[in-house]
Amino acid sequence: MNDHSGPAPAPNKRVLRTMHRLSLFCALTGLAVLIGGFVVLSTSVFDEMNASANLVIPGEFAVMSDGEFVRSLLPVAGAAGIIHLAGVIAGFVGRRYAEERAELGRCALGVGANAFFLACACIIPVVGLVPDPRALVPLLVVCGGAVLSMCVSLFERFFSSAGAKSVGVGVAGLLMMGGAMLVGLFVVLKDFTTTEEPFLPGLTVIIVCLYVGVPVGIAQLTGLIKGIRARRNADSESERALATWGIVLNVPLCWCVLFLPLVVLAAIS
């Protein structure tokens, strides 16, 4: 009767380690596929522009139509989306076997990162259909907030303290800024290839800073306040360490994101 006690949880721990590592690997691999797809597509576009003896200057005529641009993005977005979907599933499988709080945190990170980049992979093909790129930025903010809310709800045991919530806000802010810049790169490429008067890359950066930076900065300011309060009220070393991580993640991006739009506007005025 007692033979099954003791080493029984070992296989579950092995599954847990495999799943959360697979989830994080999928997050990095899917992101690499999106960045690599952008590099390959931009290289092919500029090679086509240089195919003739005279360089084709952007603005004289479009290299491809909107439909062709969307079709060129679908393989990259589809491959990255499948990888990130696999990462979300791996994170959920790992959640079933997670017992300690740190294990839940790793699974939450994998699920959250993969879910957000899965949303980015779905948004990127829409770049070729939307005339105004500013319409995509609020969608990114909504996706980031939805992913954070989902993770807080599903991994409630990990996010039970203010310090953990501060960490979650910090990671979500980093993901949103990274996703917005990634989508912004595809917007710049779309403007170079499909329109007669493309946006300047600097203008796209300003749009990203203004429309994503301010709400993300406000959210991270809230996360910073939560982290400071959690550190003051921490009743254990683990809670204090968690709150410290929340402060570290929120402080730099909080101020950079809030003041970067003013710096960019001042630089071009």
Protein backbone atom coordinates (compact mmCIF):
# COMPACT_ATOMS: atom_id res chain seq x y z
CA MET A 1 0.00 0.00 0.00
CA ASN A 2 2.89 2.33 0.77
CA ASP A 3 4.91 1.40 -2.35
CA HIS A 4 3.31 4.18 -4.40
CA SER A 5 4.18 6.99 -1.99
CA GLY A 6 7.34 9.06 -2.29
CA PRO A 7 8.71 9.12 -5.86
CA ALA A 8 5.28 9.21 -7.56
CA PRO A 9 5.29 12.97 -8.37
CA ALA A 10 8.58 12.67 -10.34
CA PRO A 11 6.95 11.96 -13.74
CA ASN A 12 4.62 14.94 -13.23
CA LYS A 13 7.61 17.18 -12.54
CA ARG A 14 9.27 15.95 -15.72
CA VAL A 15 6.14 16.75 -17.73
CA LEU A 16 5.92 20.16 -16.07
CA ARG A 17 9.54 21.04 -16.90
CA THR A 18 9.12 19.83 -20.47
CA MET A 19 5.91 21.79 -21.01
CA HIS A 20 7.03 25.13 -19.60
CA ARG A 21 10.35 24.91 -21.48
CA LEU A 22 8.47 24.03 -24.66
CA SER A 23 6.11 26.96 -24.10
CA LEU A 24 8.96 29.45 -23.71
CA PHE A 25 10.79 27.89 -26.67
CA CYS A 26 7.66 28.36 -28.81
CA ALA A 27 7.43 32.00 -27.75
CA LEU A 28 11.01 32.70 -28.85
CA THR A 29 10.77 30.58 -32.00
CA GLY A 30 7.51 32.18 -33.16
CA LEU A 31 8.96 35.64 -32.57
CA ALA A 32 12.06 34.65 -34.54
CA VAL A 33 9.83 33.47 -37.40
CA LEU A 34 8.04 36.85 -37.51
CA ILE A 35 11.30 38.82 -37.44
CA GLY A 36 12.90 36.50 -39.98
CA GLY A 37 9.85 36.77 -42.23
CA PHE A 38 10.10 40.55 -42.11
CA VAL A 39 13.80 40.42 -43.04
CA VAL A 40 13.22 37.99 -45.92
CA LEU A 41 10.22 39.93 -47.26
CA SER A 42 11.94 43.30 -47.04
CA THR A 43 15.02 41.88 -48.76
CA SER A 44 12.94 40.49 -51.61
CA VAL A 45 11.08 43.80 -51.95
CA PHE A 46 14.25 45.85 -52.21
CA ASP A 47 15.78 43.29 -54.58
CA GLU A 48 12.74 43.75 -56.82
CA MET A 49 13.14 47.51 -56.60
CA ASN A 50 16.76 47.16 -57.70
CA ALA A 51 16.03 44.63 -60.45
CA SER A 52 16.34 47.25 -63.16
CA ALA A 53 19.44 49.30 -63.87
CA ASN A 54 17.91 52.40 -62.24
CA LEU A 55 16.82 52.27 -58.62
CA VAL A 56 13.07 52.56 -58.18
CA ILE A 57 12.43 55.35 -55.68
CA PRO A 58 9.52 54.72 -53.28
CA GLY A 59 6.71 57.05 -54.20
CA GLU A 60 7.04 56.73 -57.98
CA PHE A 61 4.92 53.61 -58.16
CA ALA A 62 3.91 50.72 -55.95
CA VAL A 63 5.98 47.53 -55.97
CA MET A 64 2.95 45.32 -55.22
CA SER A 65 -0.77 45.69 -54.58
CA ASP A 66 -2.44 45.44 -51.18
CA GLY A 67 -3.70 41.94 -51.98
CA GLU A 68 -0.24 40.73 -53.01
CA PHE A 69 1.25 42.17 -49.83
CA VAL A 70 -1.33 40.39 -47.65
CA ARG A 71 -0.71 37.10 -49.48
CA SER A 72 3.04 37.48 -48.94
CA LEU A 73 2.47 37.88 -45.19
CA LEU A 74 0.12 34.91 -44.74
CA PRO A 75 2.80 32.12 -44.74
CA VAL A 76 4.91 33.93 -42.14
CA ALA A 77 1.94 34.87 -39.94
CA GLY A 78 0.44 31.38 -40.29
CA ALA A 79 3.65 29.59 -39.33
CA ALA A 80 4.27 31.89 -36.35
CA GLY A 81 0.63 31.57 -35.27
CA ILE A 82 0.81 27.76 -35.26
CA ILE A 83 4.01 27.84 -33.19
CA HIS A 84 2.54 30.28 -30.67
CA LEU A 85 -0.68 28.24 -30.46
CA ALA A 86 1.42 25.19 -29.62
CA GLY A 87 3.14 27.28 -26.93
CA VAL A 88 -0.20 28.28 -25.41
CA ILE A 89 -1.31 24.64 -25.31
CA ALA A 90 2.01 23.57 -23.74
CA GLY A 91 1.61 26.24 -21.06
CA PHE A 92 -1.90 25.04 -20.25
CA VAL A 93 -0.70 21.43 -20.02
CA GLY A 94 2.09 22.53 -17.67
CA ARG A 95 -0.45 24.39 -15.53
CA ARG A 96 -2.21 21.10 -14.76
CA TYR A 97 0.96 19.73 -13.13
CA ALA A 98 2.20 22.93 -11.45
CA GLU A 99 2.09 22.89 -7.67
CA GLU A 100 4.53 25.55 -6.53
CA ARG A 101 4.04 29.23 -7.16
CA ALA A 102 7.25 29.59 -9.18
CA GLU A 103 6.11 26.79 -11.48
CA LEU A 104 2.78 28.52 -12.04
CA GLY A 105 4.63 31.76 -12.81
CA ARG A 106 6.73 30.10 -15.53
CA CYS A 107 3.64 28.57 -17.11
CA ALA A 108 1.82 31.92 -16.93
CA LEU A 109 4.75 33.62 -18.68
CA GLY A 110 4.68 31.03 -21.47
CA VAL A 111 0.92 31.24 -21.95
CA GLY A 112 0.87 35.04 -21.84
CA ALA A 113 3.80 35.60 -24.22
CA ASN A 114 2.51 33.05 -26.73
CA ALA A 115 -1.08 34.32 -26.57
CA PHE A 116 0.00 37.92 -27.19
CA PHE A 117 2.33 37.08 -30.07
CA LEU A 118 -0.40 34.85 -31.49
CA ALA A 119 -2.60 37.98 -31.54
CA CYS A 120 0.24 39.89 -33.25
CA ALA A 121 0.52 37.15 -35.88
CA CYS A 122 -3.22 37.53 -36.56
CA ILE A 123 -2.95 41.34 -36.74
CA ILE A 124 0.07 41.51 -39.08
CA PRO A 125 -1.78 40.37 -42.26
CA VAL A 126 -4.45 43.00 -41.53
CA VAL A 127 -1.73 45.64 -42.00
CA GLY A 128 -2.19 45.29 -45.76
CA LEU A 129 -5.95 45.96 -45.51
CA VAL A 130 -6.06 48.92 -43.11
CA PRO A 131 -5.37 52.33 -44.70
CA ASP A 132 -4.58 54.04 -41.39
CA PRO A 133 -2.02 52.16 -39.21
CA ARG A 134 -3.19 54.04 -36.12
CA ALA A 135 -6.30 51.83 -36.10
CA LEU A 136 -4.13 48.80 -35.29
CA VAL A 137 -2.48 50.26 -32.20
CA PRO A 138 -5.59 50.34 -29.94
CA LEU A 139 -6.23 46.76 -31.04
CA LEU A 140 -2.78 45.80 -29.75
CA VAL A 141 -3.47 47.53 -26.43
CA VAL A 142 -6.80 45.69 -26.10
CA CYS A 143 -5.11 42.36 -26.92
CA GLY A 144 -2.42 43.01 -24.31
CA GLY A 145 -5.00 43.85 -21.65
CA ALA A 146 -7.09 40.81 -22.54
CA VAL A 147 -4.09 38.48 -22.34
CA LEU A 148 -3.08 39.90 -18.95
CA SER A 149 -6.65 39.53 -17.62
CA MET A 150 -6.80 35.96 -18.92
CA CYS A 151 -3.53 35.04 -17.22
CA VAL A 152 -4.59 36.64 -13.91
CA SER A 153 -7.85 34.68 -14.05
CA LEU A 154 -6.35 31.32 -15.07
CA PHE A 155 -3.27 31.53 -12.83
CA GLU A 156 -5.06 33.05 -9.86
CA ARG A 157 -2.84 31.23 -7.36
CA PHE A 158 0.27 32.94 -8.74
CA PHE A 159 -1.32 36.39 -9.04
CA SER A 160 -2.81 36.29 -5.53
CA SER A 161 -0.41 38.98 -4.24
CA ALA A 162 0.17 42.59 -5.28
CA GLY A 163 3.82 41.82 -6.05
CA ALA A 164 2.88 39.14 -8.57
CA LYS A 165 0.37 41.49 -10.21
CA SER A 166 3.10 44.14 -10.46
CA VAL A 167 5.34 41.62 -12.24
CA GLY A 168 2.48 40.73 -14.59
CA VAL A 169 1.90 44.37 -15.52
CA GLY A 170 5.63 44.85 -16.17
CA VAL A 171 5.89 41.81 -18.44
CA ALA A 172 2.67 42.76 -20.26
CA GLY A 173 4.02 46.26 -20.90
CA LEU A 174 7.24 44.89 -22.38
CA LEU A 175 5.28 42.51 -24.61
CA MET A 176 2.96 45.27 -25.83
CA MET A 177 5.80 47.63 -26.73
CA GLY A 178 7.65 44.82 -28.49
CA GLY A 179 4.53 43.74 -30.39
CA ALA A 180 3.71 47.33 -31.37
CA MET A 181 7.20 47.89 -32.74
CA LEU A 182 7.01 44.60 -34.66
CA VAL A 183 3.68 45.54 -36.23
CA GLY A 184 5.11 49.01 -36.93
CA LEU A 185 7.93 47.47 -38.97
CA PHE A 186 5.42 45.68 -41.18
CA VAL A 187 3.45 48.94 -41.54
CA VAL A 188 6.61 50.68 -42.78
CA LEU A 189 7.27 47.85 -45.24
CA LYS A 190 3.66 47.97 -46.46
CA ASP A 191 3.88 51.71 -47.06
CA PHE A 192 7.09 51.28 -49.06
CA THR A 193 5.67 48.53 -51.25
CA THR A 194 2.00 49.37 -51.84
CA THR A 195 1.49 53.13 -51.67
CA GLU A 196 2.63 56.00 -53.79
CA GLU A 197 3.36 58.22 -50.78
CA PRO A 198 4.74 55.98 -48.05
CA PHE A 199 4.85 56.96 -44.39
CA LEU A 200 8.27 57.93 -43.15
CA PRO A 201 9.64 55.34 -40.68
CA GLY A 202 9.99 58.11 -38.10
CA LEU A 203 6.28 58.92 -38.41
CA THR A 204 5.40 55.30 -37.72
CA VAL A 205 7.64 55.33 -34.65
CA ILE A 206 5.85 58.45 -33.38
CA ILE A 207 2.46 56.80 -33.95
CA VAL A 208 3.58 53.73 -32.00
CA CYS A 209 4.98 55.87 -29.17
CA LEU A 210 1.93 58.09 -28.87
CA TYR A 211 -0.79 55.46 -29.21
CA VAL A 212 0.85 52.59 -27.33
CA GLY A 213 3.37 54.36 -25.14
CA VAL A 214 1.01 56.50 -23.10
CA PRO A 215 -1.50 53.78 -22.04
CA VAL A 216 1.32 51.30 -21.42
CA GLY A 217 3.18 53.91 -19.37
CA ILE A 218 0.10 54.61 -17.27
CA ALA A 219 -0.42 50.88 -16.71
CA GLN A 220 3.20 50.44 -15.69
CA LEU A 221 3.01 53.41 -13.34
CA THR A 222 0.14 51.54 -11.66
CA GLY A 223 2.29 48.40 -11.58
CA LEU A 224 5.14 50.38 -10.03
CA ILE A 225 2.88 51.68 -7.25
CA LYS A 226 1.61 48.13 -6.62
CA GLY A 227 5.19 46.85 -6.45
CA ILE A 228 6.29 49.52 -3.94
CA ARG A 229 3.29 48.88 -1.70
CA ALA A 230 3.79 45.12 -1.95
CA ARG A 231 7.44 45.43 -0.96
CA ARG A 232 6.54 47.51 2.09
CA ASN A 233 3.87 45.04 3.21
CA ALA A 234 5.76 41.84 2.31
CA ASP A 235 5.60 39.22 5.04
CA SER A 236 8.22 36.88 3.57
CA GLU A 237 11.44 37.01 1.58
CA SER A 238 9.79 35.43 -1.47
CA GLU A 239 7.07 38.09 -1.51
CA ARG A 240 9.70 40.82 -1.10
CA ALA A 241 11.72 39.39 -4.01
CA LEU A 242 8.61 39.20 -6.19
CA ALA A 243 7.71 42.81 -5.42
CA THR A 244 11.29 43.88 -6.19
CA TRP A 245 11.04 42.22 -9.60
CA GLY A 246 7.80 44.11 -10.18
CA ILE A 247 9.54 47.41 -9.42
CA VAL A 248 12.52 46.54 -11.63
CA LEU A 249 10.27 45.63 -14.58
CA ASN A 250 8.05 48.70 -14.27
CA VAL A 251 10.42 51.56 -13.38
CA PRO A 252 12.54 51.88 -16.56
CA LEU A 253 9.78 51.29 -19.09
CA CYS A 254 7.33 53.41 -17.11
CA TRP A 255 9.38 56.60 -17.44
CA CYS A 256 10.78 55.80 -20.90
CA VAL A 257 7.33 55.13 -22.31
CA LEU A 258 5.75 58.20 -20.74
CA PHE A 259 8.44 60.64 -21.86
CA LEU A 260 9.57 59.08 -25.18
CA PRO A 261 6.70 60.66 -27.19
CA LEU A 262 7.66 64.10 -25.85
CA VAL A 263 11.32 63.50 -26.70
CA VAL A 264 10.49 62.36 -30.25
CA LEU A 265 8.16 65.29 -30.86
CA ALA A 266 10.72 67.74 -29.49
CA ALA A 267 13.42 66.24 -31.73
CA ILE A 268 11.40 66.75 -34.94
CA SER A 269 9.94 70.17 -34.09
